[in-house]
Amino acid sequence: MDASNPIATAGRAPTASRVRPGRRIADRVLILASTIATLLGIVVLGSILLMLIVEGVKGFSPSLFTAPTPGPGSEGGGIANAILGSLVMTFLGILIATPIGLMAGTFLAEYGRTSKLADIIRFLNDVLLSAPSILIGLFVYTLMVRPMGTYSGWAGAVALAIIATPVIVRTTEDMLRLVPGPMREAGAALGAPRSLVIRAVTWRAASAGIVTGIILALARIAGETAPLLFTALNNNSWFNANLLGGVPNLPVMIYQFALSPYPNWQSLAWSGALLITVTILALSVVARFVIKDQRPR
């Protein structure tokens, strides 16, 4: 094709030389700023993780997972009671939050949709999602701890459930909204009631996303400290089977031991912090694999 022909060259895209110098400079500055910000974030997060690994590994030993937390100024001991207390309260919280969040998210996606009630629930859920966890701890303290006259693992589990519920509600609604409408229409065309269509079609189609939301909610509450300070507090020995009285847990143990003047307690705090970090990282990785395995091929 003749390059000198004005008709042939009229439809060509502008070359790089025709881009104004000011735009090229702005593009390079933005790329440089983005690169610097990314590297800065990686360096900061990497240094925190490296320090956590170096200090946390020092306290790792078999007794860390078998012995209860030691008394002030004593040597040895472990964090077995804190690990068990955290597991019990975290899974109780998820056990409470999952059905509530699942049902509420299903109502918003399948029944409420654009209704006024659904808009109010979404607004309140967003408020609860961004509420400081210490306020939730104070609320549960007033609701349960004061009337019961004692700290308890039940109060801690309720506080964690309140934090996890809005996460599950949001992810459940979003995942159900992604299910194509014709799938629901096909179930209805077969004469299935709406509740059966939801259970057999929409929940099954969105199961990966819903499970991911539950796992992320679990990771969200695994390291919460503020609400447990007002509800479960802590305990340097094994807790009662009825969960009444102070229940040992990793977040509060780390907070108290890290501020103490005892080197043994500080070492246990580092080890507990590393354990929580690894747990949350593992949950996040599992959530990503759940999503990946359910993507259409």
Protein backbone atom coordinates (compact mmCIF):
# COMPACT_ATOMS: atom_id res chain seq x y z
CA MET A 1 0.00 0.00 0.00
CA ASP A 2 1.36 3.44 -0.96
CA ALA A 3 2.30 5.42 2.15
CA SER A 4 2.05 8.65 0.19
CA ASN A 5 -1.62 8.05 -0.51
CA PRO A 6 -3.62 10.30 1.89
CA ILE A 7 -6.62 7.98 1.72
CA ALA A 8 -4.51 4.96 2.75
CA THR A 9 -2.90 6.76 5.65
CA ALA A 10 -6.08 8.41 6.94
CA GLY A 11 -7.32 5.30 8.81
CA ARG A 12 -4.03 4.46 10.49
CA ALA A 13 -3.72 4.64 14.30
CA PRO A 14 -1.57 7.50 15.64
CA THR A 15 2.05 6.50 16.18
CA ALA A 16 3.89 6.87 19.46
CA SER A 17 5.67 9.93 18.12
CA ARG A 18 2.36 11.77 17.87
CA VAL A 19 1.64 11.33 21.61
CA ARG A 20 2.23 14.59 23.41
CA PRO A 21 5.40 14.68 25.55
CA GLY A 22 3.42 15.75 28.60
CA ARG A 23 1.34 12.58 28.51
CA ARG A 24 4.44 10.42 28.11
CA ILE A 25 6.07 12.06 31.11
CA ALA A 26 2.90 11.70 33.22
CA ASP A 27 2.67 8.00 32.24
CA ARG A 28 6.27 7.34 33.26
CA VAL A 29 5.91 9.23 36.53
CA LEU A 30 2.78 7.25 37.41
CA ILE A 31 4.50 3.92 36.59
CA LEU A 32 7.53 4.93 38.69
CA ALA A 33 5.34 6.00 41.63
CA SER A 34 3.33 2.76 41.46
CA THR A 35 6.52 0.68 41.38
CA ILE A 36 8.01 2.52 44.36
CA ALA A 37 4.80 2.14 46.36
CA THR A 38 4.64 -1.58 45.57
CA LEU A 39 8.28 -2.13 46.54
CA LEU A 40 7.79 -0.13 49.73
CA GLY A 41 4.80 -2.26 50.72
CA ILE A 42 6.70 -5.47 49.97
CA VAL A 43 9.72 -4.32 52.01
CA VAL A 44 7.60 -3.31 55.03
CA LEU A 45 5.47 -6.46 55.02
CA GLY A 46 8.50 -8.64 54.32
CA SER A 47 10.46 -7.14 57.20
CA ILE A 48 7.54 -7.65 59.59
CA LEU A 49 7.14 -11.26 58.48
CA LEU A 50 10.89 -11.90 58.68
CA MET A 51 11.09 -10.48 62.20
CA LEU A 52 8.09 -12.56 63.21
CA ILE A 53 9.66 -15.74 61.85
CA VAL A 54 13.08 -15.08 63.41
CA GLU A 55 11.70 -14.24 66.86
CA GLY A 56 8.83 -16.72 66.79
CA VAL A 57 10.83 -19.79 65.84
CA LYS A 58 13.10 -19.29 68.86
CA GLY A 59 10.28 -20.27 71.22
CA PHE A 60 9.12 -23.32 69.28
CA SER A 61 9.47 -26.58 71.21
CA PRO A 62 7.30 -29.63 71.96
CA SER A 63 6.21 -28.06 75.26
CA LEU A 64 4.82 -25.07 73.35
CA PHE A 65 1.91 -27.25 72.18
CA THR A 66 1.52 -29.42 75.28
CA ALA A 67 2.06 -27.24 78.37
CA PRO A 68 -0.16 -24.43 79.67
CA THR A 69 1.06 -20.86 79.95
CA PRO A 70 3.54 -20.34 82.83
CA GLY A 71 3.15 -18.00 85.77
CA PRO A 72 4.88 -14.61 86.04
CA GLY A 73 8.65 -14.89 86.12
CA SER A 74 8.73 -18.68 85.73
CA GLU A 75 10.56 -20.55 82.99
CA GLY A 76 9.32 -23.13 80.51
CA GLY A 77 5.65 -23.64 79.84
CA GLY A 78 3.75 -23.37 76.59
CA ILE A 79 0.56 -22.03 75.05
CA ALA A 80 -1.49 -25.23 74.72
CA ASN A 81 -4.36 -23.88 76.80
CA ALA A 82 -4.45 -20.65 74.79
CA ILE A 83 -4.46 -22.58 71.50
CA LEU A 84 -7.32 -24.79 72.65
CA GLY A 85 -9.32 -21.85 74.01
CA SER A 86 -8.91 -19.94 70.75
CA LEU A 87 -9.98 -22.96 68.70
CA VAL A 88 -13.08 -23.52 70.83
CA MET A 89 -14.25 -19.90 70.76
CA THR A 90 -13.41 -19.36 67.09
CA PHE A 91 -15.30 -22.42 65.90
CA LEU A 92 -18.22 -21.68 68.21
CA GLY A 93 -18.34 -18.18 66.71
CA ILE A 94 -18.32 -19.54 63.17
CA LEU A 95 -20.93 -22.14 64.13
CA ILE A 96 -23.22 -19.33 65.30
CA ALA A 97 -22.46 -16.92 62.45
CA THR A 98 -22.69 -19.31 59.49
CA PRO A 99 -26.41 -20.16 59.52
CA ILE A 100 -27.38 -16.56 60.33
CA GLY A 101 -25.15 -15.13 57.60
CA LEU A 102 -26.22 -17.76 55.08
CA MET A 103 -29.94 -17.20 55.68
CA ALA A 104 -29.61 -13.41 55.67
CA GLY A 105 -27.53 -13.42 52.47
CA THR A 106 -30.03 -15.75 50.82
CA PHE A 107 -32.92 -13.48 51.76
CA LEU A 108 -31.15 -10.44 50.32
CA ALA A 109 -30.26 -12.19 47.06
CA GLU A 110 -33.36 -14.30 46.48
CA TYR A 111 -36.33 -12.76 48.29
CA GLY A 112 -35.61 -9.17 49.31
CA ARG A 113 -33.58 -7.98 46.33
CA THR A 114 -34.71 -4.37 45.81
CA SER A 115 -37.22 -4.15 48.67
CA LYS A 116 -37.00 -1.44 51.32
CA LEU A 117 -36.35 -4.01 54.05
CA ALA A 118 -33.44 -5.46 52.07
CA ASP A 119 -31.93 -2.00 51.64
CA ILE A 120 -32.14 -1.40 55.40
CA ILE A 121 -30.53 -4.78 56.13
CA ARG A 122 -27.72 -4.07 53.66
CA PHE A 123 -27.08 -0.69 55.25
CA LEU A 124 -26.99 -2.16 58.76
CA ASN A 125 -24.75 -4.99 57.57
CA ASP A 126 -22.30 -2.48 56.07
CA VAL A 127 -22.28 -0.54 59.34
CA LEU A 128 -21.62 -3.71 61.31
CA LEU A 129 -18.93 -4.74 58.83
CA SER A 130 -16.96 -1.57 59.52
CA ALA A 131 -17.73 -1.28 63.24
CA PRO A 132 -14.68 -1.30 65.56
CA SER A 133 -14.34 -4.70 67.20
CA ILE A 134 -13.83 -3.08 70.60
CA LEU A 135 -17.38 -1.68 70.43
CA ILE A 136 -18.69 -5.16 69.73
CA GLY A 137 -16.77 -6.40 72.76
CA LEU A 138 -18.32 -3.69 74.95
CA PHE A 139 -21.77 -4.55 73.61
CA VAL A 140 -21.39 -8.25 74.46
CA TYR A 141 -19.88 -7.32 77.83
CA THR A 142 -23.05 -5.37 78.65
CA LEU A 143 -25.30 -8.03 77.14
CA MET A 144 -23.75 -11.17 78.66
CA VAL A 145 -20.77 -10.65 80.97
CA ARG A 146 -22.40 -8.24 83.42
CA PRO A 147 -25.68 -10.18 83.79
CA MET A 148 -23.78 -13.48 84.16
CA GLY A 149 -21.34 -11.93 86.64
CA THR A 150 -18.30 -13.58 85.03
CA TYR A 151 -16.25 -13.69 81.89
CA SER A 152 -16.90 -16.71 79.70
CA GLY A 153 -16.02 -18.40 76.47
CA TRP A 154 -19.68 -18.16 75.45
CA ALA A 155 -19.50 -14.37 75.52
CA GLY A 156 -16.27 -14.48 73.52
CA ALA A 157 -17.88 -16.77 70.93
CA VAL A 158 -20.88 -14.45 70.58
CA ALA A 159 -18.60 -11.44 70.07
CA LEU A 160 -16.65 -13.28 67.38
CA ALA A 161 -19.90 -14.41 65.75
CA ILE A 162 -21.11 -10.81 65.51
CA ILE A 163 -17.87 -9.88 63.74
CA ALA A 164 -18.03 -12.83 61.33
CA THR A 165 -21.73 -12.57 60.42
CA PRO A 166 -21.59 -9.48 58.14
CA VAL A 167 -18.68 -11.00 56.19
CA ILE A 168 -20.71 -14.14 55.50
CA VAL A 169 -23.83 -12.12 54.66
CA ARG A 170 -21.98 -10.00 52.10
CA THR A 171 -20.18 -12.87 50.38
CA THR A 172 -23.30 -15.07 50.33
CA GLU A 173 -25.40 -12.36 48.70
CA ASP A 174 -22.70 -11.53 46.15
CA MET A 175 -22.16 -15.17 45.21
CA LEU A 176 -25.88 -15.91 44.86
CA ARG A 177 -26.35 -12.85 42.65
CA LEU A 178 -23.74 -14.27 40.27
CA VAL A 179 -25.83 -17.39 39.64
CA PRO A 180 -27.50 -16.97 36.20
CA GLY A 181 -31.24 -16.36 36.24
CA PRO A 182 -32.02 -19.11 33.69
CA MET A 183 -30.84 -21.71 36.21
CA ARG A 184 -33.54 -20.57 38.63
CA GLU A 185 -36.10 -20.42 35.81
CA ALA A 186 -35.25 -23.98 34.77
CA GLY A 187 -35.92 -25.24 38.28
CA ALA A 188 -39.18 -23.31 38.47
CA ALA A 189 -40.22 -24.66 35.05
CA LEU A 190 -39.96 -28.19 36.45
CA GLY A 191 -42.48 -27.27 39.12
CA ALA A 192 -40.01 -27.10 42.02
CA PRO A 193 -40.95 -24.69 44.80
CA ARG A 194 -38.70 -21.66 45.29
CA SER A 195 -37.14 -23.01 48.47
CA LEU A 196 -36.13 -26.23 46.70
CA VAL A 197 -34.66 -24.28 43.78
CA ILE A 198 -32.57 -22.26 46.22
CA ARG A 199 -31.31 -25.35 48.06
CA ALA A 200 -30.73 -27.58 45.04
CA VAL A 201 -29.69 -25.06 42.38
CA THR A 202 -28.49 -21.66 43.59
CA TRP A 203 -26.74 -22.82 46.77
CA ARG A 204 -25.02 -25.62 44.87
CA ALA A 205 -23.93 -23.30 42.07
CA ALA A 206 -22.57 -20.73 44.54
CA SER A 207 -21.18 -23.23 47.06
CA ALA A 208 -17.52 -22.42 46.33
CA GLY A 209 -18.02 -18.70 46.91
CA ILE A 210 -20.08 -19.28 50.05
CA VAL A 211 -17.46 -21.62 51.54
CA THR A 212 -14.77 -19.07 50.67
CA GLY A 213 -16.70 -16.39 52.54
CA ILE A 214 -16.95 -18.62 55.60
CA ILE A 215 -13.20 -19.34 55.49
CA LEU A 216 -12.42 -15.63 55.17
CA ALA A 217 -14.71 -14.86 58.10
CA LEU A 218 -12.85 -17.52 60.09
CA ALA A 219 -9.54 -15.84 59.23
CA ARG A 220 -11.05 -12.46 60.14
CA ILE A 221 -11.89 -13.45 63.71
CA ALA A 222 -8.91 -15.75 64.38
CA GLY A 223 -6.70 -12.89 65.57
CA GLU A 224 -9.24 -10.58 67.21
CA THR A 225 -8.06 -9.28 70.58
CA ALA A 226 -10.26 -6.33 71.57
CA PRO A 227 -13.61 -8.16 71.86
CA LEU A 228 -12.04 -11.00 73.87
CA LEU A 229 -10.57 -8.56 76.38
CA PHE A 230 -14.13 -7.66 77.42
CA THR A 231 -15.71 -11.10 77.12
CA ALA A 232 -13.36 -14.06 77.66
CA LEU A 233 -10.36 -12.20 79.17
CA ASN A 234 -7.60 -14.78 79.78
CA ASN A 235 -6.42 -17.55 82.08
CA ASN A 236 -3.00 -19.07 82.73
CA SER A 237 -4.44 -22.53 83.34
CA TRP A 238 -6.85 -24.88 81.63
CA PHE A 239 -10.42 -23.61 81.36
CA ASN A 240 -13.61 -25.21 82.63
CA ALA A 241 -15.63 -27.46 80.33
CA ASN A 242 -18.64 -25.13 80.75
CA LEU A 243 -16.51 -22.21 79.45
CA LEU A 244 -17.39 -20.07 82.46
CA GLY A 245 -14.69 -17.90 83.97
CA GLY A 246 -11.68 -16.59 82.12
CA VAL A 247 -10.88 -18.64 79.02
CA PRO A 248 -7.28 -18.58 77.72
CA ASN A 249 -6.85 -17.51 74.11
CA LEU A 250 -3.97 -16.62 71.84
CA PRO A 251 -4.78 -12.98 70.99
CA VAL A 252 -5.14 -11.80 74.59
CA MET A 253 -2.22 -13.96 75.69
CA ILE A 254 -0.01 -12.32 73.05
CA TYR A 255 -1.17 -8.86 74.13
CA GLN A 256 -0.47 -9.48 77.81
CA PHE A 257 2.77 -11.43 77.40
CA ALA A 258 4.27 -8.98 74.88
CA LEU A 259 3.85 -6.09 77.33
CA SER A 260 5.29 -8.02 80.28
CA PRO A 261 8.90 -7.58 81.54
CA TYR A 262 9.54 -11.35 81.56
CA PRO A 263 11.70 -12.69 78.68
CA ASN A 264 9.98 -16.09 78.77
CA TRP A 265 6.56 -14.50 78.34
CA GLN A 266 7.84 -12.31 75.51
CA SER A 267 9.25 -15.37 73.74
CA LEU A 268 5.90 -17.16 74.05
CA ALA A 269 4.15 -14.06 72.68
CA TRP A 270 6.36 -14.12 69.57
CA SER A 271 5.66 -17.82 69.05
CA GLY A 272 1.92 -17.30 69.47
CA ALA A 273 1.95 -14.39 66.99
CA LEU A 274 3.77 -16.53 64.44
CA LEU A 275 1.28 -19.35 64.95
CA ILE A 276 -1.71 -17.05 64.35
CA THR A 277 -0.06 -15.54 61.26
CA VAL A 278 0.63 -18.95 59.75
CA THR A 279 -2.94 -20.05 60.51
CA ILE A 280 -4.48 -17.00 58.84
CA LEU A 281 -2.15 -17.37 55.85
CA ALA A 282 -3.14 -21.05 55.52
CA LEU A 283 -6.84 -20.18 55.62
CA SER A 284 -6.36 -17.54 52.92
CA VAL A 285 -4.50 -20.04 50.71
CA VAL A 286 -7.24 -22.63 51.22
CA ALA A 287 -9.87 -20.03 50.24
CA ARG A 288 -7.98 -19.26 47.03
CA PHE A 289 -7.72 -22.95 46.15
CA VAL A 290 -11.44 -23.42 46.77
CA ILE A 291 -12.21 -20.62 44.32
CA LYS A 292 -9.67 -21.92 41.79
CA ASP A 293 -11.01 -25.47 41.85
CA GLN A 294 -14.58 -24.30 41.23
CA ARG A 295 -13.83 -21.98 38.30
CA PRO A 296 -15.30 -23.10 34.99
CA ARG A 297 -12.74 -24.73 32.72
